[in-house]
C-alpha cells in the first residue's frame, strides 16, 4: 500500500458513517446527508453530517513484532453534526462518537485503520442557517 492511501481516508469516514444503521436510522438522516465539506445543496438541509480532513502526518514507528520501521500516518479529521432540532443534534453527535469509538482495527476501503480516538467536541449555533452544530475532532492511525 502506498503512502497516497492515507490521503484517501475520507472514503473510510464516509463509508463508516454511511454503513452505520444507528446513524441512517435517525429521522431525516440517510447516506445523501453525509458529505465532505463544504456542504452541497440539499432539498432539506435540516440535518446532516459534514467531514473534513485537516492533517495527514507521516510517522515512522517500530513495529513490536517485526522490530522494523513501519510507516504510520496520523490523520486529524473533524465531523460536523448539524440539525435544526437541538435534541437531534445531540443524538446525532453522540451516535457518531459511538460509531468511531467502537470501530475495530481493520481494513476499510483498502486502508488499514489501527484505531480512531476522540480529541474534542464543541457545540455551536448558526443563526443564519438556524441549526445546532456539534464539531467532533478525531484522530485516526493508518498503517501502510
C-alpha atoms as a PDB file:
ATOM      1  CA  UNK A   1       0.000   0.000   0.000  1.00  0.00           C
ATOM      2  CA  UNK A   2       1.403   3.398  -0.898  1.00  0.00           C
ATOM      3  CA  UNK A   3       1.518   6.485   1.277  1.00  0.00           C
ATOM      4  CA  UNK A   4      -1.067   8.050  -1.048  1.00  0.00           C
ATOM      5  CA  UNK A   5      -3.660   5.792   0.602  1.00  0.00           C
ATOM      6  CA  UNK A   6      -3.520   7.978   3.714  1.00  0.00           C
ATOM      7  CA  UNK A   7      -4.956  10.928   1.804  1.00  0.00           C
ATOM      8  CA  UNK A   8      -7.882   8.751   0.770  1.00  0.00           C
ATOM      9  CA  UNK A   9      -9.026   8.458   4.381  1.00  0.00           C
ATOM     10  CA  UNK A  10     -12.178  10.399   3.517  1.00  0.00           C
ATOM     11  CA  UNK A  11     -13.514   7.209   1.913  1.00  0.00           C
ATOM     12  CA  UNK A  12     -13.173   5.466   5.271  1.00  0.00           C
ATOM     13  CA  UNK A  13     -15.019   8.264   7.078  1.00  0.00           C
ATOM     14  CA  UNK A  14     -17.856   8.338   4.541  1.00  0.00           C
ATOM     15  CA  UNK A  15     -18.364   4.585   4.377  1.00  0.00           C
ATOM     16  CA  UNK A  16     -18.181   4.015   8.138  1.00  0.00           C
ATOM     17  CA  UNK A  17     -20.865   6.682   8.642  1.00  0.00           C
ATOM     18  CA  UNK A  18     -22.977   5.530   5.660  1.00  0.00           C
ATOM     19  CA  UNK A  19     -22.883   1.890   6.739  1.00  0.00           C
ATOM     20  CA  UNK A  20     -23.960   2.632  10.312  1.00  0.00           C
ATOM     21  CA  UNK A  21     -27.623   1.779  10.712  1.00  0.00           C
ATOM     22  CA  UNK A  22     -27.559   3.704  14.009  1.00  0.00           C
ATOM     23  CA  UNK A  23     -26.839   6.898  12.058  1.00  0.00           C
ATOM     24  CA  UNK A  24     -29.013   6.332   8.998  1.00  0.00           C
ATOM     25  CA  UNK A  25     -31.973   5.358  11.210  1.00  0.00           C
ATOM     26  CA  UNK A  26     -32.041   8.811  12.852  1.00  0.00           C
ATOM     27  CA  UNK A  27     -35.133  10.549  11.412  1.00  0.00           C
ATOM     28  CA  UNK A  28     -34.165  12.652   8.405  1.00  0.00           C
ATOM     29  CA  UNK A  29     -30.717  11.055   8.001  1.00  0.00           C
ATOM     30  CA  UNK A  30     -29.541   8.967   5.083  1.00  0.00           C
ATOM     31  CA  UNK A  31     -26.338   8.484   3.130  1.00  0.00           C
ATOM     32  CA  UNK A  32     -27.091  11.539   0.962  1.00  0.00           C
ATOM     33  CA  UNK A  33     -26.879  13.674   4.112  1.00  0.00           C
ATOM     34  CA  UNK A  34     -23.217  12.635   4.683  1.00  0.00           C
ATOM     35  CA  UNK A  35     -20.813  14.796   2.697  1.00  0.00           C
ATOM     36  CA  UNK A  36     -17.285  16.137   2.670  1.00  0.00           C
ATOM     37  CA  UNK A  37     -17.086  19.869   3.456  1.00  0.00           C
ATOM     38  CA  UNK A  38     -18.346  22.192   2.099  1.00  0.00           C
ATOM     39  CA  UNK A  39     -21.975  21.142   2.075  1.00  0.00           C
ATOM     40  CA  UNK A  40     -23.615  20.725  -1.314  1.00  0.00           C
ATOM     41  CA  UNK A  41     -27.133  21.986  -1.836  1.00  0.00           C
ATOM     42  CA  UNK A  42     -29.769  19.706  -0.326  1.00  0.00           C
ATOM     43  CA  UNK A  43     -33.519  19.610  -0.743  1.00  0.00           C
ATOM     44  CA  UNK A  44     -33.905  19.507   3.057  1.00  0.00           C
ATOM     45  CA  UNK A  45     -30.804  20.863   4.829  1.00  0.00           C
ATOM     46  CA  UNK A  46     -32.357  20.462   8.300  1.00  0.00           C
ATOM     47  CA  UNK A  47     -29.981  17.657   9.314  1.00  0.00           C
ATOM     48  CA  UNK A  48     -26.666  16.333   8.074  1.00  0.00           C
ATOM     49  CA  UNK A  49     -23.049  15.358   8.607  1.00  0.00           C
ATOM     50  CA  UNK A  50     -20.018  17.082   7.109  1.00  0.00           C
ATOM     51  CA  UNK A  51     -16.480  15.768   7.432  1.00  0.00           C
ATOM     52  CA  UNK A  52     -13.103  17.287   6.712  1.00  0.00           C
ATOM     53  CA  UNK A  53      -9.524  16.062   6.988  1.00  0.00           C
ATOM     54  CA  UNK A  54      -7.270  18.727   8.483  1.00  0.00           C
ATOM     55  CA  UNK A  55      -3.897  16.927   8.560  1.00  0.00           C
ATOM     56  CA  UNK A  56      -2.145  13.762   7.432  1.00  0.00           C
ATOM     57  CA  UNK A  57       1.131  13.355   9.330  1.00  0.00           C
ATOM     58  CA  UNK A  58       3.636  10.587   8.484  1.00  0.00           C
ATOM     59  CA  UNK A  59       5.407   8.944  11.415  1.00  0.00           C
ATOM     60  CA  UNK A  60       7.871   6.054  11.455  1.00  0.00           C
ATOM     61  CA  UNK A  61       7.160   3.671  14.285  1.00  0.00           C
ATOM     62  CA  UNK A  62       8.853   0.457  15.334  1.00  0.00           C
ATOM     63  CA  UNK A  63       6.541  -2.469  14.954  1.00  0.00           C
ATOM     64  CA  UNK A  64       6.951  -4.586  18.047  1.00  0.00           C
ATOM     65  CA  UNK A  65       6.578  -7.976  16.400  1.00  0.00           C
ATOM     66  CA  UNK A  66       8.906  -7.358  13.467  1.00  0.00           C
ATOM     67  CA  UNK A  67      11.338  -4.911  15.068  1.00  0.00           C
ATOM     68  CA  UNK A  68      11.373  -2.801  11.908  1.00  0.00           C
ATOM     69  CA  UNK A  69      10.255   0.679  10.984  1.00  0.00           C
ATOM     70  CA  UNK A  70       6.707   0.676   9.663  1.00  0.00           C
ATOM     71  CA  UNK A  71       5.070   3.681   8.026  1.00  0.00           C
ATOM     72  CA  UNK A  72       2.310   5.097  10.191  1.00  0.00           C
ATOM     73  CA  UNK A  73       0.120   8.075   9.420  1.00  0.00           C
ATOM     74  CA  UNK A  74      -1.829  10.120  11.934  1.00  0.00           C
ATOM     75  CA  UNK A  75      -4.933  11.619  10.318  1.00  0.00           C
ATOM     76  CA  UNK A  76      -6.645  14.519  12.074  1.00  0.00           C
ATOM     77  CA  UNK A  77     -10.232  14.986  10.967  1.00  0.00           C
ATOM     78  CA  UNK A  78     -13.423  16.646  12.095  1.00  0.00           C
ATOM     79  CA  UNK A  79     -17.054  15.798  11.683  1.00  0.00           C
ATOM     80  CA  UNK A  80     -19.810  18.381  11.888  1.00  0.00           C
ATOM     81  CA  UNK A  81     -23.192  17.053  13.009  1.00  0.00           C
ATOM     82  CA  UNK A  82     -25.959  19.573  12.498  1.00  0.00           C
ATOM     83  CA  UNK A  83     -29.699  19.736  12.894  1.00  0.00           C
ATOM     84  CA  UNK A  84     -32.380  22.382  13.256  1.00  0.00           C
ATOM     85  CA  UNK A  85     -33.557  20.432  16.313  1.00  0.00           C
ATOM     86  CA  UNK A  86     -31.245  20.660  19.348  1.00  0.00           C
ATOM     87  CA  UNK A  87     -32.112  17.211  20.712  1.00  0.00           C
ATOM     88  CA  UNK A  88     -31.491  15.604  17.320  1.00  0.00           C
ATOM     89  CA  UNK A  89     -28.097  17.313  17.043  1.00  0.00           C
ATOM     90  CA  UNK A  90     -27.110  15.753  20.377  1.00  0.00           C
ATOM     91  CA  UNK A  91     -28.342  12.307  19.328  1.00  0.00           C
ATOM     92  CA  UNK A  92     -26.513  12.541  16.009  1.00  0.00           C
ATOM     93  CA  UNK A  93     -23.223  13.663  17.599  1.00  0.00           C
ATOM     94  CA  UNK A  94     -23.430  11.001  20.306  1.00  0.00           C
ATOM     95  CA  UNK A  95     -24.050   8.304  17.705  1.00  0.00           C
ATOM     96  CA  UNK A  96     -21.097   9.469  15.568  1.00  0.00           C
ATOM     97  CA  UNK A  97     -18.771   9.343  18.584  1.00  0.00           C
ATOM     98  CA  UNK A  98     -20.001   5.838  19.455  1.00  0.00           C
ATOM     99  CA  UNK A  99     -19.565   4.585  15.863  1.00  0.00           C
ATOM    100  CA  UNK A 100     -15.911   5.662  15.714  1.00  0.00           C
ATOM    101  CA  UNK A 101     -15.191   4.632  19.316  1.00  0.00           C
ATOM    102  CA  UNK A 102     -16.483   1.125  18.599  1.00  0.00           C
ATOM    103  CA  UNK A 103     -14.718   0.816  15.219  1.00  0.00           C
ATOM    104  CA  UNK A 104     -12.471  -2.241  15.348  1.00  0.00           C
ATOM    105  CA  UNK A 105      -8.969  -2.047  13.877  1.00  0.00           C
ATOM    106  CA  UNK A 106      -9.026  -3.469  10.373  1.00  0.00           C
ATOM    107  CA  UNK A 107      -9.053  -2.722   6.677  1.00  0.00           C
ATOM    108  CA  UNK A 108     -11.682  -0.276   5.466  1.00  0.00           C
ATOM    109  CA  UNK A 109     -11.869   0.733   1.809  1.00  0.00           C
ATOM    110  CA  UNK A 110      -8.418  -0.798   1.332  1.00  0.00           C
ATOM    111  CA  UNK A 111      -6.909   1.318   4.117  1.00  0.00           C
ATOM    112  CA  UNK A 112      -5.545  -0.319   7.286  1.00  0.00           C
ATOM    113  CA  UNK A 113      -7.003   1.562  10.262  1.00  0.00           C
ATOM    114  CA  UNK A 114      -5.171   0.869  13.520  1.00  0.00           C
ATOM    115  CA  UNK A 115      -7.575   2.949  15.602  1.00  0.00           C
ATOM    116  CA  UNK A 116      -9.555   6.173  15.899  1.00  0.00           C
ATOM    117  CA  UNK A 117      -9.849   8.245  19.040  1.00  0.00           C
ATOM    118  CA  UNK A 118     -11.882  11.245  20.082  1.00  0.00           C
ATOM    119  CA  UNK A 119      -9.997  14.512  20.573  1.00  0.00           C
ATOM    120  CA  UNK A 120     -12.620  17.219  21.290  1.00  0.00           C
ATOM    121  CA  UNK A 121     -16.280  18.112  20.899  1.00  0.00           C
ATOM    122  CA  UNK A 122     -17.561  21.680  20.608  1.00  0.00           C
ATOM    123  CA  UNK A 123     -21.089  22.997  20.247  1.00  0.00           C
ATOM    124  CA  UNK A 124     -22.460  25.985  18.394  1.00  0.00           C
ATOM    125  CA  UNK A 125     -25.478  27.544  16.773  1.00  0.00           C
ATOM    126  CA  UNK A 126     -25.603  29.010  13.259  1.00  0.00           C
ATOM    127  CA  UNK A 127     -28.022  31.938  13.380  1.00  0.00           C
ATOM    128  CA  UNK A 128     -28.079  32.466   9.616  1.00  0.00           C
ATOM    129  CA  UNK A 129     -28.927  28.826   8.828  1.00  0.00           C
ATOM    130  CA  UNK A 130     -30.801  28.230  12.110  1.00  0.00           C
ATOM    131  CA  UNK A 131     -29.161  24.943  13.038  1.00  0.00           C
ATOM    132  CA  UNK A 132     -27.309  23.498  16.014  1.00  0.00           C
ATOM    133  CA  UNK A 133     -23.820  22.242  15.292  1.00  0.00           C
ATOM    134  CA  UNK A 134     -21.606  19.743  17.091  1.00  0.00           C
ATOM    135  CA  UNK A 135     -17.995  19.723  15.911  1.00  0.00           C
ATOM    136  CA  UNK A 136     -16.280  16.425  16.692  1.00  0.00           C
ATOM    137  CA  UNK A 137     -12.484  16.241  16.292  1.00  0.00           C
ATOM    138  CA  UNK A 138     -10.970  12.787  15.916  1.00  0.00           C
ATOM    139  CA  UNK A 139      -7.589  11.283  15.184  1.00  0.00           C
ATOM    140  CA  UNK A 140      -7.020   8.122  13.168  1.00  0.00           C
ATOM    141  CA  UNK A 141      -3.953   5.880  12.914  1.00  0.00           C
ATOM    142  CA  UNK A 142      -3.278   4.439   9.453  1.00  0.00           C
ATOM    143  CA  UNK A 143      -0.750   1.670   8.851  1.00  0.00           C
ATOM    144  CA  UNK A 144       0.852   1.072   5.460  1.00  0.00           C
END
